Every structure is written in C-alpha cells, then in structure tokens.
Amino acid sequence: MELQHLFHVIIEKQNSIMKQIIYILTLFIFSCKAQQPVYPLNTSASKLASNAYFKDLNNELNYYTGTWKATFQDNAITLQISKQIKAPIELFGKNFYRDQLFTRYEVRKNGVILESTLNKDFTNDTGFSVRSAYTLDSGNSVTLLFSGGNCNVGIGTVVLKKINSTQLSWGYYPGTTTRNDITCPTDKDYTIYLPETKDLIFTKQ
C-alpha cells in the first residue's frame, strides 16, 4: 500500500509539473504575440526588424474591396478585389506582415474569356497576381504591383483612385511588354490583356 501511495504522489507531482510547464509556455507564446510591433500601413520597412506588421489602421483599403466592372476596346473587364489581413511578405530580405489588397480579374471579348484569374490557385504560382503596395492621399489612391503574365511580361504598376462611392479610375503602367526570346518558351501566350490605359472608369457591382 505504501508503494502504491508513493506512485500516486509521484504521478501527481509529475502532472503538477506538466501543468506548470504548459502554463509557462502559454504565457510565453502570448507574450511573443503581444510584442509583435504594429506600424501604420505605409511605414518604410528598410530599417525595421523582421516580423513587423503593417496594419491598415484607418481602413483605407476597405473602399476598394468588391467586384468592379469596365469596358475597354470591346473587352469586358471584371475585377474581384479582396482585403488580406496580415499577409506574409518579404522586403529587404526580411519577413514582414501586411494588410493588402489582392486582385483577381477576368477579361472577356464577345462573351469569350481571353484571360481569367478568378479561380486561379496562387499558392505555388504567383504569376498574374495583383497586390497592393501602398496608399496615397489618405487612401484616396492605392498603387498595386502586377507580377506579369508568362515570363513576367506586363509586370508593372496599377493605380486605382477613388471617384465616388461606386466608381474608381484605373491606370496600368507595364514595365515590359515583350518576352525574352532567349529564355521564354515560344508556346506560351504573351498577350497583355489587362487594359493598358489610364483614367478607365470601373463601376462597383
């Protein structure tokens, strides 16, 4: 009986120690999360430590979310813009987190789809992605980066500007418009389907 009692005492002490360890680890995890520095959305990351979080403190990105449509040169363009909270990004060789806009799009002509990323899985392929980089004028304008299509053709910036509660203007400025004949395969489509223009009016649906 004494031996059995001793076993019970040992087990109870072990359980008590395990509970203390779990409690300490929990406090440590919450402490680490609480200490993650949070900065306004447009803060420069050049001199900041890794894992800083650039947060949309004033909800400047919210206006742009939703479905927007426009017509350009007989093409019907649809944008589906969502807001990603605390998305992981890499800047200056360091890892950070940022609230950002993520844009999917579709271009049709006479009902035929020319290009669409509405259902594209971007998990392992960031081609054709359009993500916000920064806002200007208290959120009245936002600049997005387009990664380009095949072989990064069309890589450039997209600028969206508020007009009113249901309309915004679009400006797309590609940095490259042709493929590299040496490194790019010939069996890919290198057409830029996004509207290469400025002041194109999109209407919210």
N, C-alpha and C. Protein backbone atom coordinates (compact mmCIF):
# COMPACT_ATOMS: atom_id res chain seq x y z
N MET A 1 0.83 -1.20 0.00
CA MET A 1 0.00 0.00 0.00
C MET A 1 0.87 1.26 0.00
N GLU A 2 1.95 1.24 0.78
CA GLU A 2 2.83 2.41 0.83
C GLU A 2 3.45 2.66 -0.54
N LEU A 3 3.84 1.57 -1.23
CA LEU A 3 4.44 1.72 -2.55
C LEU A 3 3.43 2.31 -3.54
N GLN A 4 2.19 1.82 -3.43
CA GLN A 4 1.14 2.34 -4.31
C GLN A 4 0.89 3.82 -4.04
N HIS A 5 0.89 4.17 -2.76
CA HIS A 5 0.69 5.57 -2.38
C HIS A 5 1.83 6.44 -2.93
N LEU A 6 3.04 5.90 -2.88
CA LEU A 6 4.20 6.63 -3.38
C LEU A 6 4.07 6.89 -4.88
N PHE A 7 3.60 5.87 -5.61
CA PHE A 7 3.39 6.03 -7.05
C PHE A 7 2.39 7.16 -7.32
N HIS A 8 1.31 7.19 -6.54
CA HIS A 8 0.29 8.23 -6.72
C HIS A 8 0.88 9.61 -6.48
N VAL A 9 1.71 9.72 -5.46
CA VAL A 9 2.34 11.01 -5.14
C VAL A 9 3.24 11.46 -6.29
N ILE A 10 4.03 10.50 -6.83
CA ILE A 10 4.94 10.83 -7.93
C ILE A 10 4.16 11.28 -9.16
N ILE A 11 3.09 10.55 -9.49
CA ILE A 11 2.27 10.89 -10.66
C ILE A 11 1.63 12.27 -10.50
N GLU A 12 1.12 12.56 -9.28
CA GLU A 12 0.51 13.86 -9.04
C GLU A 12 1.52 14.98 -9.19
N LYS A 13 2.75 14.76 -8.72
CA LYS A 13 3.79 15.77 -8.86
C LYS A 13 4.16 15.98 -10.32
N GLN A 14 4.23 14.87 -11.08
CA GLN A 14 4.54 14.98 -12.50
C GLN A 14 3.45 15.77 -13.23
N ASN A 15 2.19 15.47 -12.89
CA ASN A 15 1.08 16.20 -13.51
C ASN A 15 1.14 17.68 -13.17
N SER A 16 1.48 17.96 -11.92
CA SER A 16 1.59 19.36 -11.49
C SER A 16 2.69 20.08 -12.25
N ILE A 17 3.82 19.40 -12.43
CA ILE A 17 4.94 20.00 -13.16
C ILE A 17 4.57 20.24 -14.62
N MET A 18 3.88 19.27 -15.24
CA MET A 18 3.47 19.42 -16.63
C MET A 18 2.52 20.60 -16.79
N LYS A 19 1.59 20.76 -15.85
CA LYS A 19 0.66 21.88 -15.91
C LYS A 19 1.40 23.21 -15.82
N GLN A 20 2.42 23.25 -14.96
CA GLN A 20 3.20 24.47 -14.82
C GLN A 20 3.96 24.78 -16.11
N ILE A 21 4.51 23.73 -16.74
CA ILE A 21 5.25 23.92 -17.99
C ILE A 21 4.32 24.45 -19.08
N ILE A 22 3.13 23.84 -19.19
CA ILE A 22 2.16 24.27 -20.20
C ILE A 22 1.74 25.71 -19.95
N TYR A 23 1.55 26.06 -18.68
CA TYR A 23 1.15 27.43 -18.33
C TYR A 23 2.23 28.43 -18.72
N ILE A 24 3.48 28.08 -18.44
CA ILE A 24 4.61 28.97 -18.77
C ILE A 24 4.74 29.12 -20.28
N LEU A 25 4.61 28.00 -21.02
CA LEU A 25 4.70 28.07 -22.48
C LEU A 25 3.58 28.92 -23.07
N THR A 26 2.38 28.79 -22.50
CA THR A 26 1.25 29.58 -22.98
C THR A 26 1.51 31.07 -22.77
N LEU A 27 2.01 31.41 -21.58
CA LEU A 27 2.34 32.81 -21.31
C LEU A 27 3.41 33.32 -22.26
N PHE A 28 4.38 32.47 -22.56
CA PHE A 28 5.48 32.85 -23.45
C PHE A 28 4.96 33.13 -24.86
N ILE A 29 4.08 32.24 -25.35
CA ILE A 29 3.53 32.40 -26.70
C ILE A 29 2.72 33.68 -26.80
N PHE A 30 1.84 33.91 -25.82
CA PHE A 30 1.02 35.13 -25.85
C PHE A 30 1.89 36.37 -25.69
N SER A 31 2.96 36.25 -24.92
CA SER A 31 3.86 37.37 -24.74
C SER A 31 4.55 37.72 -26.04
N CYS A 32 4.97 36.68 -26.79
CA CYS A 32 5.63 36.91 -28.08
C CYS A 32 4.68 37.58 -29.06
N LYS A 33 3.42 37.11 -29.07
CA LYS A 33 2.44 37.70 -29.98
C LYS A 33 2.17 39.15 -29.61
N ALA A 34 2.09 39.40 -28.32
CA ALA A 34 1.77 40.75 -27.86
C ALA A 34 2.90 41.72 -28.19
N GLN A 35 4.13 41.20 -28.29
CA GLN A 35 5.27 42.06 -28.52
C GLN A 35 5.53 42.32 -30.00
N GLN A 36 4.76 41.70 -30.90
CA GLN A 36 4.97 41.95 -32.32
C GLN A 36 4.67 43.41 -32.62
N PRO A 37 5.63 44.16 -33.14
CA PRO A 37 5.40 45.58 -33.40
C PRO A 37 4.41 45.80 -34.53
N VAL A 38 3.50 46.75 -34.33
CA VAL A 38 2.50 47.09 -35.33
C VAL A 38 2.75 48.52 -35.80
N TYR A 39 2.77 48.70 -37.13
CA TYR A 39 3.04 50.02 -37.71
C TYR A 39 1.94 50.38 -38.70
N PRO A 40 1.76 51.68 -38.96
CA PRO A 40 0.81 52.10 -40.00
C PRO A 40 1.16 51.49 -41.35
N LEU A 41 0.19 51.41 -42.21
CA LEU A 41 0.29 50.67 -43.47
C LEU A 41 1.48 51.09 -44.33
N ASN A 42 1.76 52.38 -44.42
CA ASN A 42 2.78 52.86 -45.36
C ASN A 42 4.14 53.10 -44.71
N THR A 43 4.37 52.54 -43.54
CA THR A 43 5.66 52.69 -42.88
C THR A 43 6.77 52.02 -43.69
N SER A 44 7.90 52.69 -43.82
CA SER A 44 9.04 52.10 -44.53
C SER A 44 9.61 50.93 -43.74
N ALA A 45 9.89 49.84 -44.44
CA ALA A 45 10.40 48.64 -43.78
C ALA A 45 11.92 48.57 -43.78
N SER A 46 12.57 49.53 -44.38
CA SER A 46 14.02 49.43 -44.61
C SER A 46 14.83 49.30 -43.33
N LYS A 47 14.39 49.94 -42.24
CA LYS A 47 15.17 49.92 -41.00
C LYS A 47 14.48 49.16 -39.87
N LEU A 48 13.44 48.42 -40.20
CA LEU A 48 12.69 47.70 -39.17
C LEU A 48 13.16 46.25 -39.06
N ALA A 49 12.97 45.68 -37.87
CA ALA A 49 13.31 44.28 -37.65
C ALA A 49 12.26 43.38 -38.30
N SER A 50 12.62 42.14 -38.53
CA SER A 50 11.71 41.18 -39.14
C SER A 50 10.45 41.01 -38.30
N ASN A 51 9.39 40.54 -38.96
CA ASN A 51 8.11 40.18 -38.34
C ASN A 51 7.26 41.37 -37.93
N ALA A 52 7.65 42.58 -38.29
CA ALA A 52 6.79 43.73 -38.03
C ALA A 52 5.51 43.58 -38.86
N TYR A 53 4.45 44.19 -38.37
CA TYR A 53 3.13 44.08 -39.00
C TYR A 53 2.67 45.46 -39.45
N PHE A 54 2.46 45.63 -40.76
CA PHE A 54 1.98 46.89 -41.31
C PHE A 54 0.46 46.78 -41.45
N LYS A 55 -0.23 47.44 -40.55
CA LYS A 55 -1.67 47.26 -40.40
C LYS A 55 -2.44 48.44 -41.00
N ASP A 56 -3.56 48.12 -41.63
CA ASP A 56 -4.45 49.14 -42.18
C ASP A 56 -5.26 49.74 -41.04
N LEU A 57 -4.61 50.58 -40.25
CA LEU A 57 -5.22 51.11 -39.03
C LEU A 57 -6.44 51.97 -39.31
N ASN A 58 -6.45 52.65 -40.45
CA ASN A 58 -7.55 53.56 -40.77
C ASN A 58 -8.53 52.98 -41.79
N ASN A 59 -8.40 51.68 -42.06
CA ASN A 59 -9.30 51.00 -43.01
C ASN A 59 -9.31 51.69 -44.38
N GLU A 60 -8.15 52.12 -44.83
CA GLU A 60 -8.05 52.79 -46.12
C GLU A 60 -8.32 51.84 -47.29
N LEU A 61 -8.10 50.55 -47.08
CA LEU A 61 -8.24 49.58 -48.18
C LEU A 61 -9.68 49.13 -48.39
N ASN A 62 -10.52 49.33 -47.39
CA ASN A 62 -11.87 48.76 -47.44
C ASN A 62 -12.69 49.23 -48.64
N TYR A 63 -12.52 50.49 -49.01
CA TYR A 63 -13.30 51.06 -50.12
C TYR A 63 -13.14 50.24 -51.40
N TYR A 64 -11.95 49.71 -51.63
CA TYR A 64 -11.63 49.09 -52.92
C TYR A 64 -12.13 47.64 -53.04
N THR A 65 -12.54 47.05 -51.94
CA THR A 65 -12.95 45.64 -51.99
C THR A 65 -14.29 45.49 -52.71
N GLY A 66 -14.46 44.32 -53.33
CA GLY A 66 -15.71 44.04 -54.02
C GLY A 66 -15.47 43.73 -55.49
N THR A 67 -16.55 43.71 -56.26
CA THR A 67 -16.49 43.41 -57.69
C THR A 67 -16.69 44.70 -58.48
N TRP A 68 -15.79 44.95 -59.42
CA TRP A 68 -15.83 46.17 -60.25
C TRP A 68 -15.79 45.76 -61.72
N LYS A 69 -16.50 46.53 -62.57
CA LYS A 69 -16.54 46.20 -63.99
C LYS A 69 -16.34 47.44 -64.86
N ALA A 70 -15.71 47.20 -66.03
CA ALA A 70 -15.49 48.27 -67.00
C ALA A 70 -15.41 47.65 -68.39
N THR A 71 -15.47 48.50 -69.41
CA THR A 71 -15.31 48.07 -70.80
C THR A 71 -14.20 48.88 -71.44
N PHE A 72 -13.30 48.19 -72.15
CA PHE A 72 -12.18 48.86 -72.81
C PHE A 72 -11.89 48.17 -74.13
N GLN A 73 -12.00 48.92 -75.23
CA GLN A 73 -11.74 48.39 -76.57
C GLN A 73 -12.50 47.08 -76.81
N ASP A 74 -13.78 47.10 -76.54
CA ASP A 74 -14.69 45.97 -76.75
C ASP A 74 -14.44 44.80 -75.79
N ASN A 75 -13.53 44.98 -74.85
CA ASN A 75 -13.28 43.94 -73.84
C ASN A 75 -14.01 44.29 -72.55
N ALA A 76 -14.64 43.29 -71.95
CA ALA A 76 -15.31 43.47 -70.66
C ALA A 76 -14.36 43.00 -69.57
N ILE A 77 -14.04 43.90 -68.65
CA ILE A 77 -13.07 43.59 -67.59
C ILE A 77 -13.78 43.53 -66.25
N THR A 78 -13.53 42.47 -65.51
CA THR A 78 -14.06 42.31 -64.16
C THR A 78 -12.92 42.21 -63.17
N LEU A 79 -13.00 42.99 -62.11
CA LEU A 79 -12.03 42.91 -61.02
C LEU A 79 -12.74 42.40 -59.77
N GLN A 80 -12.13 41.45 -59.11
CA GLN A 80 -12.61 41.00 -57.80
C GLN A 80 -11.51 41.29 -56.79
N ILE A 81 -11.74 42.30 -55.95
CA ILE A 81 -10.71 42.77 -55.03
C ILE A 81 -11.08 42.40 -53.61
N SER A 82 -10.16 41.73 -52.93
CA SER A 82 -10.38 41.34 -51.54
C SER A 82 -9.26 41.93 -50.68
N LYS A 83 -9.52 42.00 -49.40
CA LYS A 83 -8.53 42.51 -48.45
C LYS A 83 -7.95 41.35 -47.67
N GLN A 84 -6.64 41.19 -47.73
CA GLN A 84 -5.96 40.14 -46.99
C GLN A 84 -5.39 40.73 -45.71
N ILE A 85 -5.71 40.11 -44.59
CA ILE A 85 -5.25 40.59 -43.30
C ILE A 85 -3.97 39.87 -42.90
N LYS A 86 -2.96 40.64 -42.57
CA LYS A 86 -1.69 40.11 -42.07
C LYS A 86 -1.08 39.09 -43.04
N ALA A 87 -1.01 39.47 -44.29
CA ALA A 87 -0.43 38.59 -45.31
C ALA A 87 1.10 38.61 -45.19
N PRO A 88 1.75 37.46 -45.26
CA PRO A 88 3.22 37.42 -45.18
C PRO A 88 3.84 38.00 -46.45
N ILE A 89 4.84 38.85 -46.28
CA ILE A 89 5.56 39.44 -47.41
C ILE A 89 7.05 39.45 -47.10
N GLU A 90 7.85 39.66 -48.12
CA GLU A 90 9.30 39.77 -47.94
C GLU A 90 9.78 41.08 -48.53
N LEU A 91 10.49 41.87 -47.71
CA LEU A 91 11.04 43.15 -48.14
C LEU A 91 12.45 43.29 -47.59
N PHE A 92 13.36 43.75 -48.42
CA PHE A 92 14.75 43.96 -48.00
C PHE A 92 15.35 42.70 -47.38
N GLY A 93 14.95 41.53 -47.91
CA GLY A 93 15.49 40.28 -47.42
C GLY A 93 14.98 39.86 -46.06
N LYS A 94 13.91 40.50 -45.59
CA LYS A 94 13.34 40.18 -44.28
C LYS A 94 11.85 39.87 -44.42
N ASN A 95 11.33 39.11 -43.47
CA ASN A 95 9.92 38.72 -43.49
C ASN A 95 9.08 39.68 -42.65
N PHE A 96 7.97 40.11 -43.24
CA PHE A 96 7.04 41.00 -42.55
C PHE A 96 5.61 40.52 -42.78
N TYR A 97 4.67 41.26 -42.20
CA TYR A 97 3.25 41.01 -42.42
C TYR A 97 2.59 42.33 -42.80
N ARG A 98 1.59 42.24 -43.69
CA ARG A 98 0.95 43.47 -44.16
C ARG A 98 -0.51 43.21 -44.53
N ASP A 99 -1.37 44.16 -44.20
CA ASP A 99 -2.72 44.14 -44.75
C ASP A 99 -2.61 44.62 -46.20
N GLN A 100 -3.24 43.92 -47.13
CA GLN A 100 -3.10 44.29 -48.53
C GLN A 100 -4.33 43.91 -49.33
N LEU A 101 -4.45 44.55 -50.48
CA LEU A 101 -5.49 44.19 -51.44
C LEU A 101 -4.95 43.11 -52.37
N PHE A 102 -5.80 42.15 -52.68
CA PHE A 102 -5.44 41.11 -53.65
C PHE A 102 -6.50 41.11 -54.73
N THR A 103 -6.07 41.26 -55.97
CA THR A 103 -7.00 41.44 -57.08
C THR A 103 -6.97 40.26 -58.05
N ARG A 104 -8.14 39.69 -58.26
CA ARG A 104 -8.33 38.71 -59.33
C ARG A 104 -9.09 39.40 -60.46
N TYR A 105 -8.88 38.94 -61.68
CA TYR A 105 -9.53 39.64 -62.80
C TYR A 105 -9.93 38.67 -63.90
N GLU A 106 -10.81 39.16 -64.76
CA GLU A 106 -11.22 38.40 -65.94
C GLU A 106 -11.44 39.37 -67.09
N VAL A 107 -10.96 38.99 -68.27
CA VAL A 107 -11.14 39.80 -69.47
C VAL A 107 -11.87 38.96 -70.51
N ARG A 108 -13.00 39.48 -71.00
CA ARG A 108 -13.80 38.78 -72.00
C ARG A 108 -14.00 39.66 -73.24
N LYS A 109 -14.14 39.00 -74.37
CA LYS A 109 -14.49 39.69 -75.61
C LYS A 109 -15.60 38.91 -76.30
N ASN A 110 -16.72 39.57 -76.52
CA ASN A 110 -17.89 38.92 -77.11
C ASN A 110 -18.28 37.66 -76.33
N GLY A 111 -18.14 37.73 -75.01
CA GLY A 111 -18.53 36.61 -74.16
C GLY A 111 -17.47 35.54 -74.01
N VAL A 112 -16.39 35.62 -74.78
CA VAL A 112 -15.33 34.61 -74.73
C VAL A 112 -14.24 35.08 -73.75
N ILE A 113 -13.84 34.20 -72.85
CA ILE A 113 -12.81 34.54 -71.87
C ILE A 113 -11.44 34.58 -72.54
N LEU A 114 -10.80 35.74 -72.50
CA LEU A 114 -9.44 35.87 -73.02
C LEU A 114 -8.41 35.52 -71.96
N GLU A 115 -8.69 35.94 -70.74
CA GLU A 115 -7.79 35.64 -69.62
C GLU A 115 -8.58 35.79 -68.33
N SER A 116 -8.35 34.87 -67.39
CA SER A 116 -9.06 34.93 -66.12
C SER A 116 -8.21 34.35 -64.99
N THR A 117 -8.20 35.06 -63.87
CA THR A 117 -7.55 34.55 -62.66
C THR A 117 -8.57 34.39 -61.53
N LEU A 118 -9.86 34.44 -61.87
CA LEU A 118 -10.90 34.40 -60.84
C LEU A 118 -10.83 33.11 -60.03
N ASN A 119 -10.45 32.01 -60.66
CA ASN A 119 -10.39 30.73 -59.96
C ASN A 119 -8.97 30.18 -59.87
N LYS A 120 -7.99 31.03 -60.10
CA LYS A 120 -6.60 30.58 -60.09
C LYS A 120 -6.12 30.32 -58.67
N ASP A 121 -5.35 29.24 -58.50
CA ASP A 121 -4.73 28.93 -57.22
C ASP A 121 -3.34 29.57 -57.20
N PHE A 122 -3.18 30.58 -56.34
CA PHE A 122 -1.92 31.31 -56.27
C PHE A 122 -0.96 30.75 -55.22
N THR A 123 -1.30 29.61 -54.64
CA THR A 123 -0.49 29.07 -53.55
C THR A 123 0.96 28.87 -53.94
N ASN A 124 1.19 28.22 -55.08
CA ASN A 124 2.55 27.93 -55.51
C ASN A 124 2.94 28.64 -56.80
N ASP A 125 2.06 29.49 -57.29
CA ASP A 125 2.33 30.20 -58.55
C ASP A 125 1.78 31.61 -58.43
N THR A 126 2.68 32.58 -58.30
CA THR A 126 2.25 33.97 -58.10
C THR A 126 2.11 34.74 -59.41
N GLY A 127 2.30 34.07 -60.53
CA GLY A 127 2.12 34.73 -61.81
C GLY A 127 0.71 35.28 -61.96
N PHE A 128 0.59 36.44 -62.60
CA PHE A 128 -0.69 37.11 -62.83
C PHE A 128 -1.28 37.70 -61.54
N SER A 129 -0.52 37.74 -60.45
CA SER A 129 -1.06 38.28 -59.19
C SER A 129 -0.98 39.80 -59.19
N VAL A 130 -1.96 40.42 -58.53
CA VAL A 130 -2.01 41.88 -58.41
C VAL A 130 -2.24 42.21 -56.94
N ARG A 131 -1.22 42.77 -56.27
CA ARG A 131 -1.28 43.05 -54.84
C ARG A 131 -0.96 44.51 -54.57
N SER A 132 -1.61 45.06 -53.56
CA SER A 132 -1.36 46.47 -53.23
C SER A 132 0.00 46.62 -52.56
N ALA A 133 0.63 47.77 -52.82
CA ALA A 133 1.93 48.09 -52.23
C ALA A 133 1.82 49.22 -51.21
N TYR A 134 1.09 50.27 -51.56
CA TYR A 134 0.95 51.40 -50.64
C TYR A 134 -0.23 52.28 -51.08
N THR A 135 -0.69 53.09 -50.15
CA THR A 135 -1.76 54.04 -50.44
C THR A 135 -1.20 55.46 -50.42
N LEU A 136 -1.94 56.37 -51.05
CA LEU A 136 -1.58 57.78 -51.06
C LEU A 136 -2.81 58.61 -50.75
N ASP A 137 -2.57 59.83 -50.31
CA ASP A 137 -3.67 60.78 -50.09
C ASP A 137 -4.75 60.19 -49.18
N SER A 138 -4.31 59.66 -48.04
CA SER A 138 -5.22 59.09 -47.03
C SER A 138 -6.13 58.01 -47.60
N GLY A 139 -5.59 57.24 -48.52
CA GLY A 139 -6.35 56.12 -49.07
C GLY A 139 -7.16 56.45 -50.30
N ASN A 140 -7.10 57.70 -50.78
CA ASN A 140 -7.84 58.06 -51.99
C ASN A 140 -7.21 57.49 -53.25
N SER A 141 -6.01 56.97 -53.11
CA SER A 141 -5.32 56.32 -54.22
C SER A 141 -4.53 55.14 -53.66
N VAL A 142 -4.48 54.07 -54.42
CA VAL A 142 -3.69 52.91 -54.00
C VAL A 142 -2.91 52.39 -55.20
N THR A 143 -1.65 52.06 -54.96
CA THR A 143 -0.79 51.51 -56.01
C THR A 143 -0.62 50.02 -55.78
N LEU A 144 -0.86 49.25 -56.84
CA LEU A 144 -0.73 47.80 -56.79
C LEU A 144 0.39 47.36 -57.72
N LEU A 145 0.96 46.20 -57.43
CA LEU A 145 2.01 45.64 -58.26
C LEU A 145 1.48 44.42 -58.99
N PHE A 146 1.59 44.44 -60.32
CA PHE A 146 1.20 43.30 -61.14
C PHE A 146 2.45 42.50 -61.45
N SER A 147 2.44 41.21 -61.11
CA SER A 147 3.63 40.38 -61.28
C SER A 147 3.91 40.03 -62.73
N GLY A 148 2.95 40.33 -63.60
CA GLY A 148 3.12 39.99 -65.01
C GLY A 148 2.57 38.61 -65.31
N GLY A 149 2.44 38.33 -66.60
CA GLY A 149 1.93 37.03 -67.01
C GLY A 149 3.06 36.06 -67.28
N ASN A 150 2.96 35.30 -68.35
CA ASN A 150 4.01 34.34 -68.69
C ASN A 150 5.33 35.07 -68.91
N CYS A 151 6.38 34.55 -68.30
CA CYS A 151 7.72 35.16 -68.36
C CYS A 151 7.70 36.59 -67.84
N ASN A 152 6.75 36.89 -66.97
CA ASN A 152 6.62 38.21 -66.34
C ASN A 152 6.33 39.34 -67.33
N VAL A 153 5.90 38.99 -68.53
CA VAL A 153 5.54 40.03 -69.49
C VAL A 153 4.35 40.83 -68.94
N GLY A 154 4.49 42.14 -68.95
CA GLY A 154 3.43 43.01 -68.43
C GLY A 154 3.64 43.43 -67.00
N ILE A 155 4.72 42.96 -66.36
CA ILE A 155 4.98 43.35 -64.98
C ILE A 155 4.98 44.88 -64.87
N GLY A 156 4.32 45.38 -63.85
CA GLY A 156 4.23 46.83 -63.73
C GLY A 156 3.33 47.24 -62.58
N THR A 157 2.87 48.47 -62.62
CA THR A 157 2.04 49.01 -61.54
C THR A 157 0.64 49.33 -62.03
N VAL A 158 -0.30 49.20 -61.11
CA VAL A 158 -1.68 49.59 -61.35
C VAL A 158 -2.05 50.61 -60.28
N VAL A 159 -2.62 51.72 -60.70
CA VAL A 159 -3.03 52.76 -59.76
C VAL A 159 -4.55 52.90 -59.80
N LEU A 160 -5.16 52.73 -58.64
CA LEU A 160 -6.61 52.90 -58.51
C LEU A 160 -6.87 54.18 -57.71
N LYS A 161 -7.84 54.97 -58.18
CA LYS A 161 -8.18 56.22 -57.50
C LYS A 161 -9.68 56.30 -57.25
N LYS A 162 -10.03 56.74 -56.07
CA LYS A 162 -11.45 56.92 -55.74
C LYS A 162 -12.05 58.05 -56.58
N ILE A 163 -13.26 57.82 -57.06
CA ILE A 163 -14.04 58.88 -57.70
C ILE A 163 -15.24 59.21 -56.83
N ASN A 164 -16.02 58.19 -56.54
CA ASN A 164 -17.14 58.33 -55.62
C ASN A 164 -17.41 56.96 -55.00
N SER A 165 -18.55 56.80 -54.36
CA SER A 165 -18.81 55.55 -53.62
C SER A 165 -18.95 54.33 -54.53
N THR A 166 -19.21 54.55 -55.82
CA THR A 166 -19.44 53.41 -56.72
C THR A 166 -18.52 53.40 -57.93
N GLN A 167 -17.59 54.36 -58.03
CA GLN A 167 -16.71 54.41 -59.19
C GLN A 167 -15.27 54.68 -58.78
N LEU A 168 -14.35 54.07 -59.52
CA LEU A 168 -12.93 54.34 -59.34
C LEU A 168 -12.27 54.39 -60.71
N SER A 169 -11.12 55.04 -60.78
CA SER A 169 -10.38 55.10 -62.04
C SER A 169 -9.19 54.15 -61.98
N TRP A 170 -8.84 53.63 -63.13
CA TRP A 170 -7.78 52.63 -63.29
C TRP A 170 -6.67 53.18 -64.17
N GLY A 171 -5.43 52.95 -63.77
CA GLY A 171 -4.29 53.25 -64.61
C GLY A 171 -3.29 52.11 -64.52
N TYR A 172 -2.90 51.57 -65.67
CA TYR A 172 -1.97 50.43 -65.69
C TYR A 172 -0.74 50.82 -66.49
N TYR A 173 0.45 50.62 -65.87
CA TYR A 173 1.70 51.06 -66.46
C TYR A 173 2.69 49.89 -66.50
N PRO A 174 2.66 49.09 -67.57
CA PRO A 174 3.56 47.93 -67.66
C PRO A 174 5.00 48.36 -67.88
N GLY A 175 5.90 47.62 -67.23
CA GLY A 175 7.33 47.90 -67.40
C GLY A 175 7.92 47.15 -68.58
N THR A 176 7.37 45.96 -68.86
CA THR A 176 7.81 45.17 -70.01
C THR A 176 6.58 44.73 -70.80
N THR A 177 6.68 44.77 -72.12
CA THR A 177 5.53 44.39 -72.95
C THR A 177 5.88 43.29 -73.95
N THR A 178 7.14 42.85 -73.94
CA THR A 178 7.56 41.79 -74.86
C THR A 178 8.32 40.72 -74.09
N ARG A 179 8.39 39.52 -74.65
CA ARG A 179 9.08 38.42 -73.99
C ARG A 179 10.56 38.41 -74.37
N ASN A 180 11.34 37.70 -73.56
CA ASN A 180 12.75 37.47 -73.86
C ASN A 180 12.86 36.26 -74.78
N ASP A 181 13.29 36.48 -76.01
CA ASP A 181 13.32 35.39 -76.99
C ASP A 181 14.27 34.27 -76.61
N ILE A 182 15.23 34.55 -75.73
CA ILE A 182 16.23 33.54 -75.38
C ILE A 182 15.71 32.60 -74.30
N THR A 183 15.08 33.15 -73.27
CA THR A 183 14.71 32.33 -72.11
C THR A 183 13.23 31.95 -72.05
N CYS A 184 12.38 32.60 -72.82
CA CYS A 184 10.94 32.32 -72.74
C CYS A 184 10.51 31.33 -73.82
N PRO A 185 9.74 30.31 -73.45
CA PRO A 185 9.27 29.33 -74.45
C PRO A 185 8.34 29.98 -75.46
N THR A 186 8.29 29.42 -76.64
CA THR A 186 7.51 30.02 -77.72
C THR A 186 6.05 29.59 -77.73
N ASP A 187 5.71 28.60 -76.90
CA ASP A 187 4.35 28.06 -76.94
C ASP A 187 3.42 28.70 -75.90
N LYS A 188 3.83 29.81 -75.31
CA LYS A 188 3.01 30.49 -74.31
C LYS A 188 2.35 31.73 -74.92
N ASP A 189 1.28 32.17 -74.27
CA ASP A 189 0.59 33.38 -74.69
C ASP A 189 1.19 34.57 -73.94
N TYR A 190 1.74 35.52 -74.67
CA TYR A 190 2.38 36.68 -74.04
C TYR A 190 1.58 37.97 -74.26
N THR A 191 0.35 37.81 -74.65
CA THR A 191 -0.52 38.97 -74.83
C THR A 191 -0.85 39.59 -73.47
N ILE A 192 -0.81 40.91 -73.40
CA ILE A 192 -1.23 41.61 -72.19
C ILE A 192 -2.71 41.94 -72.35
N TYR A 193 -3.54 41.32 -71.52
CA TYR A 193 -4.98 41.52 -71.64
C TYR A 193 -5.52 42.60 -70.71
N LEU A 194 -4.79 42.90 -69.65
CA LEU A 194 -5.22 44.00 -68.79
C LEU A 194 -5.21 45.30 -69.59
N PRO A 195 -6.16 46.18 -69.36
CA PRO A 195 -6.24 47.42 -70.16
C PRO A 195 -5.05 48.34 -69.90
N GLU A 196 -4.24 48.55 -70.95
CA GLU A 196 -3.07 49.43 -70.85
C GLU A 196 -3.53 50.87 -71.12
N THR A 197 -4.04 51.49 -70.10
CA THR A 197 -4.56 52.84 -70.23
C THR A 197 -4.65 53.47 -68.85
N LYS A 198 -4.99 54.74 -68.81
CA LYS A 198 -5.25 55.41 -67.54
C LYS A 198 -6.62 56.08 -67.59
N ASP A 199 -7.14 56.38 -66.42
CA ASP A 199 -8.44 57.05 -66.28
C ASP A 199 -9.60 56.20 -66.81
N LEU A 200 -9.43 54.88 -66.82
CA LEU A 200 -10.54 53.99 -67.18
C LEU A 200 -11.46 53.87 -65.96
N ILE A 201 -12.75 54.08 -66.17
CA ILE A 201 -13.70 54.09 -65.06
C ILE A 201 -14.27 52.70 -64.82
N PHE A 202 -14.12 52.22 -63.60
CA PHE A 202 -14.74 50.97 -63.16
C PHE A 202 -15.92 51.30 -62.25
N THR A 203 -16.98 50.52 -62.38
CA THR A 203 -18.18 50.71 -61.57
C THR A 203 -18.37 49.52 -60.64
N LYS A 204 -18.67 49.81 -59.39
CA LYS A 204 -18.86 48.74 -58.40
C LYS A 204 -20.19 48.05 -58.64
N GLN A 205 -20.17 46.73 -58.51
CA GLN A 205 -21.37 45.93 -58.77
C GLN A 205 -22.13 45.65 -57.48
